[in-house]
Amino acid sequence: MLVTGAVCQYVLTFTGVRIPLVTGLVLVSGGLFCYTRRTPDASYAAGMLPGLLLTAAGAGLACSCCSWSRPRRCARRRAGSRPGS
């Protein structure tokens, strides 16, 4: 999550929010799909690690996009609901 979060901050300046957010959510769903394909006799490296890595990478991208795209301008009467105000 830390690596993809840092990469996402750099990528967001060039692409905007939509592409990294969709990519992150696709990675999360791919990681969760990997969990459905594991067997009881599979090792940790073959059964759990791919799903964990994909889910963590996708969550890092998606969370970074959500925190970066917070509302920057809002009406004065709603200023308390804006993050960082």
PDB file of N, CA and C in Angstrom:
ATOM      1  N   MET A   1       0.818  -1.181   0.000  1.00  0.00           N
ATOM      2  CA  MET A   1       0.000   0.000   0.000  1.00  0.00           C
ATOM      3  C   MET A   1       0.863   1.246   0.000  1.00  0.00           C
ATOM      4  N   LEU A   2       1.951   1.201   0.724  1.00  0.00           N
ATOM      5  CA  LEU A   2       2.815   2.387   0.794  1.00  0.00           C
ATOM      6  C   LEU A   2       3.434   2.712  -0.558  1.00  0.00           C
ATOM      7  N   VAL A   3       3.878   1.696  -1.260  1.00  0.00           N
ATOM      8  CA  VAL A   3       4.530   1.923  -2.555  1.00  0.00           C
ATOM      9  C   VAL A   3       3.528   2.441  -3.576  1.00  0.00           C
ATOM     10  N   THR A   4       2.383   1.785  -3.691  1.00  0.00           N
ATOM     11  CA  THR A   4       1.409   2.231  -4.686  1.00  0.00           C
ATOM     12  C   THR A   4       0.793   3.570  -4.299  1.00  0.00           C
ATOM     13  N   GLY A   5       0.695   3.859  -3.019  1.00  0.00           N
ATOM     14  CA  GLY A   5       0.209   5.164  -2.603  1.00  0.00           C
ATOM     15  C   GLY A   5       1.151   6.276  -3.017  1.00  0.00           C
ATOM     16  N   ALA A   6       2.448   6.032  -2.866  1.00  0.00           N
ATOM     17  CA  ALA A   6       3.436   7.036  -3.279  1.00  0.00           C
ATOM     18  C   ALA A   6       3.469   7.185  -4.795  1.00  0.00           C
ATOM     19  N   VAL A   7       3.374   6.090  -5.505  1.00  0.00           N
ATOM     20  CA  VAL A   7       3.352   6.146  -6.969  1.00  0.00           C
ATOM     21  C   VAL A   7       2.088   6.861  -7.447  1.00  0.00           C
ATOM     22  N   CYS A   8       0.985   6.616  -6.779  1.00  0.00           N
ATOM     23  CA  CYS A   8      -0.280   7.222  -7.179  1.00  0.00           C
ATOM     24  C   CYS A   8      -0.248   8.732  -7.037  1.00  0.00           C
ATOM     25  N   GLN A   9       0.408   9.252  -6.017  1.00  0.00           N
ATOM     26  CA  GLN A   9       0.503  10.699  -5.852  1.00  0.00           C
ATOM     27  C   GLN A   9       1.226  11.330  -7.032  1.00  0.00           C
ATOM     28  N   TYR A  10       2.201  10.638  -7.561  1.00  0.00           N
ATOM     29  CA  TYR A  10       2.930  11.128  -8.729  1.00  0.00           C
ATOM     30  C   TYR A  10       2.089  11.013  -9.999  1.00  0.00           C
ATOM     31  N   VAL A  11       1.402   9.891 -10.160  1.00  0.00           N
ATOM     32  CA  VAL A  11       0.612   9.643 -11.367  1.00  0.00           C
ATOM     33  C   VAL A  11      -0.605  10.563 -11.435  1.00  0.00           C
ATOM     34  N   LEU A  12      -1.179  10.888 -10.288  1.00  0.00           N
ATOM     35  CA  LEU A  12      -2.379  11.724 -10.261  1.00  0.00           C
ATOM     36  C   LEU A  12      -2.145  13.104 -10.860  1.00  0.00           C
ATOM     37  N   THR A  13      -0.952  13.621 -10.771  1.00  0.00           N
ATOM     38  CA  THR A  13      -0.687  14.946 -11.321  1.00  0.00           C
ATOM     39  C   THR A  13      -0.758  14.949 -12.840  1.00  0.00           C
ATOM     40  N   PHE A  14      -0.565  13.799 -13.468  1.00  0.00           N
ATOM     41  CA  PHE A  14      -0.579  13.728 -14.928  1.00  0.00           C
ATOM     42  C   PHE A  14      -1.882  13.179 -15.495  1.00  0.00           C
ATOM     43  N   THR A  15      -2.528  12.254 -14.794  1.00  0.00           N
ATOM     44  CA  THR A  15      -3.682  11.566 -15.371  1.00  0.00           C
ATOM     45  C   THR A  15      -5.016  11.984 -14.778  1.00  0.00           C
ATOM     46  N   GLY A  16      -5.034  12.535 -13.609  1.00  0.00           N
ATOM     47  CA  GLY A  16      -6.298  12.797 -12.931  1.00  0.00           C
ATOM     48  C   GLY A  16      -6.676  11.621 -12.054  1.00  0.00           C
ATOM     49  N   VAL A  17      -7.885  11.650 -11.548  1.00  0.00           N
ATOM     50  CA  VAL A  17      -8.298  10.658 -10.547  1.00  0.00           C
ATOM     51  C   VAL A  17      -8.880   9.392 -11.169  1.00  0.00           C
ATOM     52  N   ARG A  18      -9.548   9.514 -12.275  1.00  0.00           N
ATOM     53  CA  ARG A  18     -10.356   8.406 -12.791  1.00  0.00           C
ATOM     54  C   ARG A  18      -9.542   7.157 -13.126  1.00  0.00           C
ATOM     55  N   ILE A  19      -8.448   7.292 -13.827  1.00  0.00           N
ATOM     56  CA  ILE A  19      -7.673   6.126 -14.281  1.00  0.00           C
ATOM     57  C   ILE A  19      -7.049   5.364 -13.101  1.00  0.00           C
ATOM     58  N   PRO A  20      -6.335   6.024 -12.177  1.00  0.00           N
ATOM     59  CA  PRO A  20      -5.783   5.256 -11.045  1.00  0.00           C
ATOM     60  C   PRO A  20      -6.854   4.673 -10.122  1.00  0.00           C
ATOM     61  N   LEU A  21      -7.986   5.356  -9.980  1.00  0.00           N
ATOM     62  CA  LEU A  21      -9.042   4.834  -9.127  1.00  0.00           C
ATOM     63  C   LEU A  21      -9.628   3.553  -9.710  1.00  0.00           C
ATOM     64  N   VAL A  22      -9.924   3.565 -10.995  1.00  0.00           N
ATOM     65  CA  VAL A  22     -10.472   2.363 -11.634  1.00  0.00           C
ATOM     66  C   VAL A  22      -9.439   1.236 -11.622  1.00  0.00           C
ATOM     67  N   THR A  23      -8.181   1.578 -11.872  1.00  0.00           N
ATOM     68  CA  THR A  23      -7.120   0.564 -11.833  1.00  0.00           C
ATOM     69  C   THR A  23      -6.996  -0.044 -10.438  1.00  0.00           C
ATOM     70  N   GLY A  24      -7.068   0.788  -9.420  1.00  0.00           N
ATOM     71  CA  GLY A  24      -6.996   0.286  -8.050  1.00  0.00           C
ATOM     72  C   GLY A  24      -8.141  -0.637  -7.704  1.00  0.00           C
ATOM     73  N   LEU A  25      -9.338  -0.279  -8.108  1.00  0.00           N
ATOM     74  CA  LEU A  25     -10.491  -1.125  -7.813  1.00  0.00           C
ATOM     75  C   LEU A  25     -10.447  -2.442  -8.583  1.00  0.00           C
ATOM     76  N   VAL A  26      -9.915  -2.408  -9.803  1.00  0.00           N
ATOM     77  CA  VAL A  26      -9.747  -3.647 -10.574  1.00  0.00           C
ATOM     78  C   VAL A  26      -8.708  -4.548  -9.901  1.00  0.00           C
ATOM     79  N   LEU A  27      -7.618  -3.950  -9.388  1.00  0.00           N
ATOM     80  CA  LEU A  27      -6.609  -4.741  -8.685  1.00  0.00           C
ATOM     81  C   LEU A  27      -7.173  -5.360  -7.410  1.00  0.00           C
ATOM     82  N   VAL A  28      -7.982  -4.606  -6.678  1.00  0.00           N
ATOM     83  CA  VAL A  28      -8.605  -5.154  -5.466  1.00  0.00           C
ATOM     84  C   VAL A  28      -9.513  -6.325  -5.821  1.00  0.00           C
ATOM     85  N   SER A  29     -10.335  -6.171  -6.849  1.00  0.00           N
ATOM     86  CA  SER A  29     -11.222  -7.277  -7.217  1.00  0.00           C
ATOM     87  C   SER A  29     -10.440  -8.471  -7.745  1.00  0.00           C
ATOM     88  N   GLY A  30      -9.327  -8.230  -8.440  1.00  0.00           N
ATOM     89  CA  GLY A  30      -8.475  -9.343  -8.877  1.00  0.00           C
ATOM     90  C   GLY A  30      -7.844 -10.065  -7.707  1.00  0.00           C
ATOM     91  N   GLY A  31      -7.423  -9.307  -6.695  1.00  0.00           N
ATOM     92  CA  GLY A  31      -6.862  -9.932  -5.504  1.00  0.00           C
ATOM     93  C   GLY A  31      -7.882 -10.758  -4.749  1.00  0.00           C
ATOM     94  N   LEU A  32      -9.101 -10.248  -4.656  1.00  0.00           N
ATOM     95  CA  LEU A  32     -10.147 -11.019  -3.990  1.00  0.00           C
ATOM     96  C   LEU A  32     -10.528 -12.255  -4.794  1.00  0.00           C
ATOM     97  N   PHE A  33     -10.452 -12.157  -6.117  1.00  0.00           N
ATOM     98  CA  PHE A  33     -10.717 -13.324  -6.948  1.00  0.00           C
ATOM     99  C   PHE A  33      -9.638 -14.390  -6.752  1.00  0.00           C
ATOM    100  N   CYS A  34      -8.399 -13.968  -6.516  1.00  0.00           N
ATOM    101  CA  CYS A  34      -7.324 -14.936  -6.261  1.00  0.00           C
ATOM    102  C   CYS A  34      -7.604 -15.781  -5.029  1.00  0.00           C
ATOM    103  N   TYR A  35      -8.291 -15.219  -4.045  1.00  0.00           N
ATOM    104  CA  TYR A  35      -8.620 -15.981  -2.842  1.00  0.00           C
ATOM    105  C   TYR A  35      -9.589 -17.115  -3.134  1.00  0.00           C
ATOM    106  N   THR A  36     -10.425 -16.949  -4.141  1.00  0.00           N
ATOM    107  CA  THR A  36     -11.392 -18.006  -4.446  1.00  0.00           C
ATOM    108  C   THR A  36     -10.743 -19.188  -5.139  1.00  0.00           C
ATOM    109  N   ARG A  37      -9.576 -19.013  -5.703  1.00  0.00           N
ATOM    110  CA  ARG A  37      -8.909 -20.065  -6.461  1.00  0.00           C
ATOM    111  C   ARG A  37      -7.926 -20.886  -5.618  1.00  0.00           C
ATOM    112  N   ARG A  38      -7.763 -20.554  -4.350  1.00  0.00           N
ATOM    113  CA  ARG A  38      -6.779 -21.294  -3.551  1.00  0.00           C
ATOM    114  C   ARG A  38      -7.371 -22.589  -3.021  1.00  0.00           C
ATOM    115  N   THR A  39      -6.471 -23.501  -2.753  1.00  0.00           N
ATOM    116  CA  THR A  39      -6.872 -24.821  -2.257  1.00  0.00           C
ATOM    117  C   THR A  39      -6.340 -24.995  -0.844  1.00  0.00           C
ATOM    118  N   PRO A  40      -6.889 -25.923  -0.080  1.00  0.00           N
ATOM    119  CA  PRO A  40      -6.432 -26.116   1.294  1.00  0.00           C
ATOM    120  C   PRO A  40      -4.976 -26.574   1.391  1.00  0.00           C
ATOM    121  N   ASP A  41      -4.461 -27.269   0.383  1.00  0.00           N
ATOM    122  CA  ASP A  41      -3.098 -27.775   0.468  1.00  0.00           C
ATOM    123  C   ASP A  41      -2.080 -26.847  -0.188  1.00  0.00           C
ATOM    124  N   ALA A  42      -2.487 -25.674  -0.631  1.00  0.00           N
ATOM    125  CA  ALA A  42      -1.556 -24.738  -1.273  1.00  0.00           C
ATOM    126  C   ALA A  42      -0.668 -24.067  -0.232  1.00  0.00           C
ATOM    127  N   SER A  43       0.537 -23.733  -0.643  1.00  0.00           N
ATOM    128  CA  SER A  43       1.448 -23.048   0.266  1.00  0.00           C
ATOM    129  C   SER A  43       1.050 -21.576   0.386  1.00  0.00           C
ATOM    130  N   TYR A  44       1.667 -20.900   1.339  1.00  0.00           N
ATOM    131  CA  TYR A  44       1.368 -19.482   1.546  1.00  0.00           C
ATOM    132  C   TYR A  44       1.768 -18.655   0.328  1.00  0.00           C
ATOM    133  N   ALA A  45       2.944 -18.960  -0.227  1.00  0.00           N
ATOM    134  CA  ALA A  45       3.444 -18.185  -1.366  1.00  0.00           C
ATOM    135  C   ALA A  45       2.580 -18.386  -2.610  1.00  0.00           C
ATOM    136  N   ALA A  46       2.027 -19.548  -2.773  1.00  0.00           N
ATOM    137  CA  ALA A  46       1.211 -19.810  -3.963  1.00  0.00           C
ATOM    138  C   ALA A  46      -0.267 -19.512  -3.728  1.00  0.00           C
ATOM    139  N   GLY A  47      -0.742 -19.639  -2.495  1.00  0.00           N
ATOM    140  CA  GLY A  47      -2.169 -19.495  -2.233  1.00  0.00           C
ATOM    141  C   GLY A  47      -2.602 -18.123  -1.758  1.00  0.00           C
ATOM    142  N   MET A  48      -1.851 -17.547  -0.824  1.00  0.00           N
ATOM    143  CA  MET A  48      -2.281 -16.297  -0.208  1.00  0.00           C
ATOM    144  C   MET A  48      -1.550 -15.068  -0.736  1.00  0.00           C
ATOM    145  N   LEU A  49      -0.256 -15.190  -0.988  1.00  0.00           N
ATOM    146  CA  LEU A  49       0.563 -14.023  -1.309  1.00  0.00           C
ATOM    147  C   LEU A  49       0.119 -13.267  -2.562  1.00  0.00           C
ATOM    148  N   PRO A  50      -0.232 -13.928  -3.666  1.00  0.00           N
ATOM    149  CA  PRO A  50      -0.679 -13.147  -4.834  1.00  0.00           C
ATOM    150  C   PRO A  50      -1.926 -12.316  -4.552  1.00  0.00           C
ATOM    151  N   GLY A  51      -2.869 -12.883  -3.849  1.00  0.00           N
ATOM    152  CA  GLY A  51      -4.077 -12.144  -3.503  1.00  0.00           C
ATOM    153  C   GLY A  51      -3.802 -10.982  -2.576  1.00  0.00           C
ATOM    154  N   LEU A  52      -2.922 -11.207  -1.604  1.00  0.00           N
ATOM    155  CA  LEU A  52      -2.566 -10.136  -0.677  1.00  0.00           C
ATOM    156  C   LEU A  52      -1.867  -8.988  -1.386  1.00  0.00           C
ATOM    157  N   LEU A  53      -0.955  -9.304  -2.277  1.00  0.00           N
ATOM    158  CA  LEU A  53      -0.229  -8.253  -2.993  1.00  0.00           C
ATOM    159  C   LEU A  53      -1.140  -7.452  -3.920  1.00  0.00           C
ATOM    160  N   LEU A  54      -2.016  -8.143  -4.641  1.00  0.00           N
ATOM    161  CA  LEU A  54      -2.941  -7.435  -5.523  1.00  0.00           C
ATOM    162  C   LEU A  54      -3.924  -6.571  -4.736  1.00  0.00           C
ATOM    163  N   THR A  55      -4.448  -7.107  -3.659  1.00  0.00           N
ATOM    164  CA  THR A  55      -5.399  -6.347  -2.852  1.00  0.00           C
ATOM    165  C   THR A  55      -4.736  -5.132  -2.215  1.00  0.00           C
ATOM    166  N   ALA A  56      -3.524  -5.298  -1.704  1.00  0.00           N
ATOM    167  CA  ALA A  56      -2.824  -4.169  -1.092  1.00  0.00           C
ATOM    168  C   ALA A  56      -2.458  -3.102  -2.121  1.00  0.00           C
ATOM    169  N   ALA A  57      -2.014  -3.519  -3.297  1.00  0.00           N
ATOM    170  CA  ALA A  57      -1.680  -2.547  -4.336  1.00  0.00           C
ATOM    171  C   ALA A  57      -2.915  -1.780  -4.787  1.00  0.00           C
ATOM    172  N   GLY A  58      -4.012  -2.471  -4.967  1.00  0.00           N
ATOM    173  CA  GLY A  58      -5.244  -1.806  -5.373  1.00  0.00           C
ATOM    174  C   GLY A  58      -5.798  -0.889  -4.306  1.00  0.00           C
ATOM    175  N   ALA A  59      -5.710  -1.314  -3.056  1.00  0.00           N
ATOM    176  CA  ALA A  59      -6.189  -0.462  -1.968  1.00  0.00           C
ATOM    177  C   ALA A  59      -5.337   0.787  -1.834  1.00  0.00           C
ATOM    178  N   GLY A  60      -4.040   0.670  -2.061  1.00  0.00           N
ATOM    179  CA  GLY A  60      -3.177   1.844  -2.020  1.00  0.00           C
ATOM    180  C   GLY A  60      -3.533   2.849  -3.095  1.00  0.00           C
ATOM    181  N   LEU A  61      -3.809   2.364  -4.292  1.00  0.00           N
ATOM    182  CA  LEU A  61      -4.213   3.266  -5.374  1.00  0.00           C
ATOM    183  C   LEU A  61      -5.566   3.910  -5.084  1.00  0.00           C
ATOM    184  N   ALA A  62      -6.533   3.106  -4.680  1.00  0.00           N
ATOM    185  CA  ALA A  62      -7.884   3.627  -4.461  1.00  0.00           C
ATOM    186  C   ALA A  62      -7.925   4.606  -3.291  1.00  0.00           C
ATOM    187  N   CYS A  63      -7.250   4.297  -2.198  1.00  0.00           N
ATOM    188  CA  CYS A  63      -7.266   5.192  -1.037  1.00  0.00           C
ATOM    189  C   CYS A  63      -6.541   6.499  -1.332  1.00  0.00           C
ATOM    190  N   SER A  64      -5.460   6.441  -2.078  1.00  0.00           N
ATOM    191  CA  SER A  64      -4.757   7.663  -2.439  1.00  0.00           C
ATOM    192  C   SER A  64      -5.611   8.552  -3.326  1.00  0.00           C
ATOM    193  N   CYS A  65      -6.336   7.951  -4.235  1.00  0.00           N
ATOM    194  CA  CYS A  65      -7.223   8.730  -5.116  1.00  0.00           C
ATOM    195  C   CYS A  65      -8.336   9.386  -4.320  1.00  0.00           C
ATOM    196  N   CYS A  66      -8.886   8.651  -3.374  1.00  0.00           N
ATOM    197  CA  CYS A  66      -9.987   9.211  -2.583  1.00  0.00           C
ATOM    198  C   CYS A  66      -9.508  10.358  -1.697  1.00  0.00           C
ATOM    199  N   SER A  67      -8.334  10.241  -1.130  1.00  0.00           N
ATOM    200  CA  SER A  67      -7.848  11.322  -0.274  1.00  0.00           C
ATOM    201  C   SER A  67      -7.362  12.509  -1.088  1.00  0.00           C
ATOM    202  N   TRP A  68      -6.884  12.283  -2.291  1.00  0.00           N
ATOM    203  CA  TRP A  68      -6.393  13.379  -3.125  1.00  0.00           C
ATOM    204  C   TRP A  68      -7.532  14.172  -3.738  1.00  0.00           C
ATOM    205  N   SER A  69      -8.648  13.528  -4.003  1.00  0.00           N
ATOM    206  CA  SER A  69      -9.747  14.183  -4.692  1.00  0.00           C
ATOM    207  C   SER A  69     -10.768  14.791  -3.739  1.00  0.00           C
ATOM    208  N   ARG A  70     -10.379  15.065  -2.525  1.00  0.00           N
ATOM    209  CA  ARG A  70     -11.312  15.677  -1.576  1.00  0.00           C
ATOM    210  C   ARG A  70     -11.736  17.046  -2.090  1.00  0.00           C
ATOM    211  N   PRO A  71     -12.870  17.549  -1.648  1.00  0.00           N
ATOM    212  CA  PRO A  71     -13.319  18.857  -2.121  1.00  0.00           C
ATOM    213  C   PRO A  71     -12.371  19.966  -1.676  1.00  0.00           C
ATOM    214  N   ARG A  72     -11.920  20.767  -2.607  1.00  0.00           N
ATOM    215  CA  ARG A  72     -10.981  21.831  -2.291  1.00  0.00           C
ATOM    216  C   ARG A  72     -11.678  23.169  -2.085  1.00  0.00           C
ATOM    217  N   ARG A  73     -12.804  23.343  -2.706  1.00  0.00           N
ATOM    218  CA  ARG A  73     -13.565  24.574  -2.545  1.00  0.00           C
ATOM    219  C   ARG A  73     -14.992  24.221  -2.162  1.00  0.00           C
ATOM    220  N   CYS A  74     -15.511  24.935  -1.222  1.00  0.00           N
ATOM    221  CA  CYS A  74     -16.895  24.729  -0.839  1.00  0.00           C
ATOM    222  C   CYS A  74     -17.434  26.027  -0.265  1.00  0.00           C
ATOM    223  N   ALA A  75     -18.735  26.085  -0.106  1.00  0.00           N
ATOM    224  CA  ALA A  75     -19.363  27.277   0.444  1.00  0.00           C
ATOM    225  C   ALA A  75     -18.928  27.483   1.889  1.00  0.00           C
ATOM    226  N   ARG A  76     -18.931  28.727   2.333  1.00  0.00           N
ATOM    227  CA  ARG A  76     -18.485  29.060   3.686  1.00  0.00           C
ATOM    228  C   ARG A  76     -19.356  28.364   4.739  1.00  0.00           C
ATOM    229  N   ARG A  77     -20.640  28.210   4.460  1.00  0.00           N
ATOM    230  CA  ARG A  77     -21.523  27.592   5.454  1.00  0.00           C
ATOM    231  C   ARG A  77     -21.239  26.106   5.613  1.00  0.00           C
ATOM    232  N   ARG A  78     -20.574  25.477   4.657  1.00  0.00           N
ATOM    233  CA  ARG A  78     -20.246  24.048   4.738  1.00  0.00           C
ATOM    234  C   ARG A  78     -18.766  23.823   4.984  1.00  0.00           C
ATOM    235  N   ALA A  79     -18.058  24.820   5.428  1.00  0.00           N
ATOM    236  CA  ALA A  79     -16.602  24.729   5.559  1.00  0.00           C
ATOM    237  C   ALA A  79     -16.188  23.702   6.608  1.00  0.00           C
ATOM    238  N   GLY A  80     -16.992  23.437   7.602  1.00  0.00           N
ATOM    239  CA  GLY A  80     -16.629  22.480   8.639  1.00  0.00           C
ATOM    240  C   GLY A  80     -16.670  21.036   8.150  1.00  0.00           C
ATOM    241  N   SER A  81     -17.423  20.775   7.094  1.00  0.00           N
ATOM    242  CA  SER A  81     -17.514  19.403   6.585  1.00  0.00           C
ATOM    243  C   SER A  81     -16.401  19.075   5.619  1.00  0.00           C
ATOM    244  N   ARG A  82     -15.608  20.062   5.231  1.00  0.00           N
ATOM    245  CA  ARG A  82     -14.508  19.834   4.286  1.00  0.00           C
ATOM    246  C   ARG A  82     -13.300  19.259   5.031  1.00  0.00           C
ATOM    247  N   PRO A  83     -12.697  18.198   4.533  1.00  0.00           N
ATOM    248  CA  PRO A  83     -11.511  17.650   5.180  1.00  0.00           C
ATOM    249  C   PRO A  83     -10.368  18.660   5.140  1.00  0.00           C
ATOM    250  N   GLY A  84      -9.671  18.764   6.228  1.00  0.00           N
ATOM    251  CA  GLY A  84      -8.510  19.655   6.281  1.00  0.00           C
ATOM    252  C   GLY A  84      -8.866  21.088   6.634  1.00  0.00           C
ATOM    253  N   SER A  85     -10.113  21.378   6.980  1.00  0.00           N
ATOM    254  CA  SER A  85     -10.464  22.751   7.320  1.00  0.00           C
ATOM    255  C   SER A  85     -10.633  22.922   8.807  1.00  0.00           C
TER     256      SER A  85
END
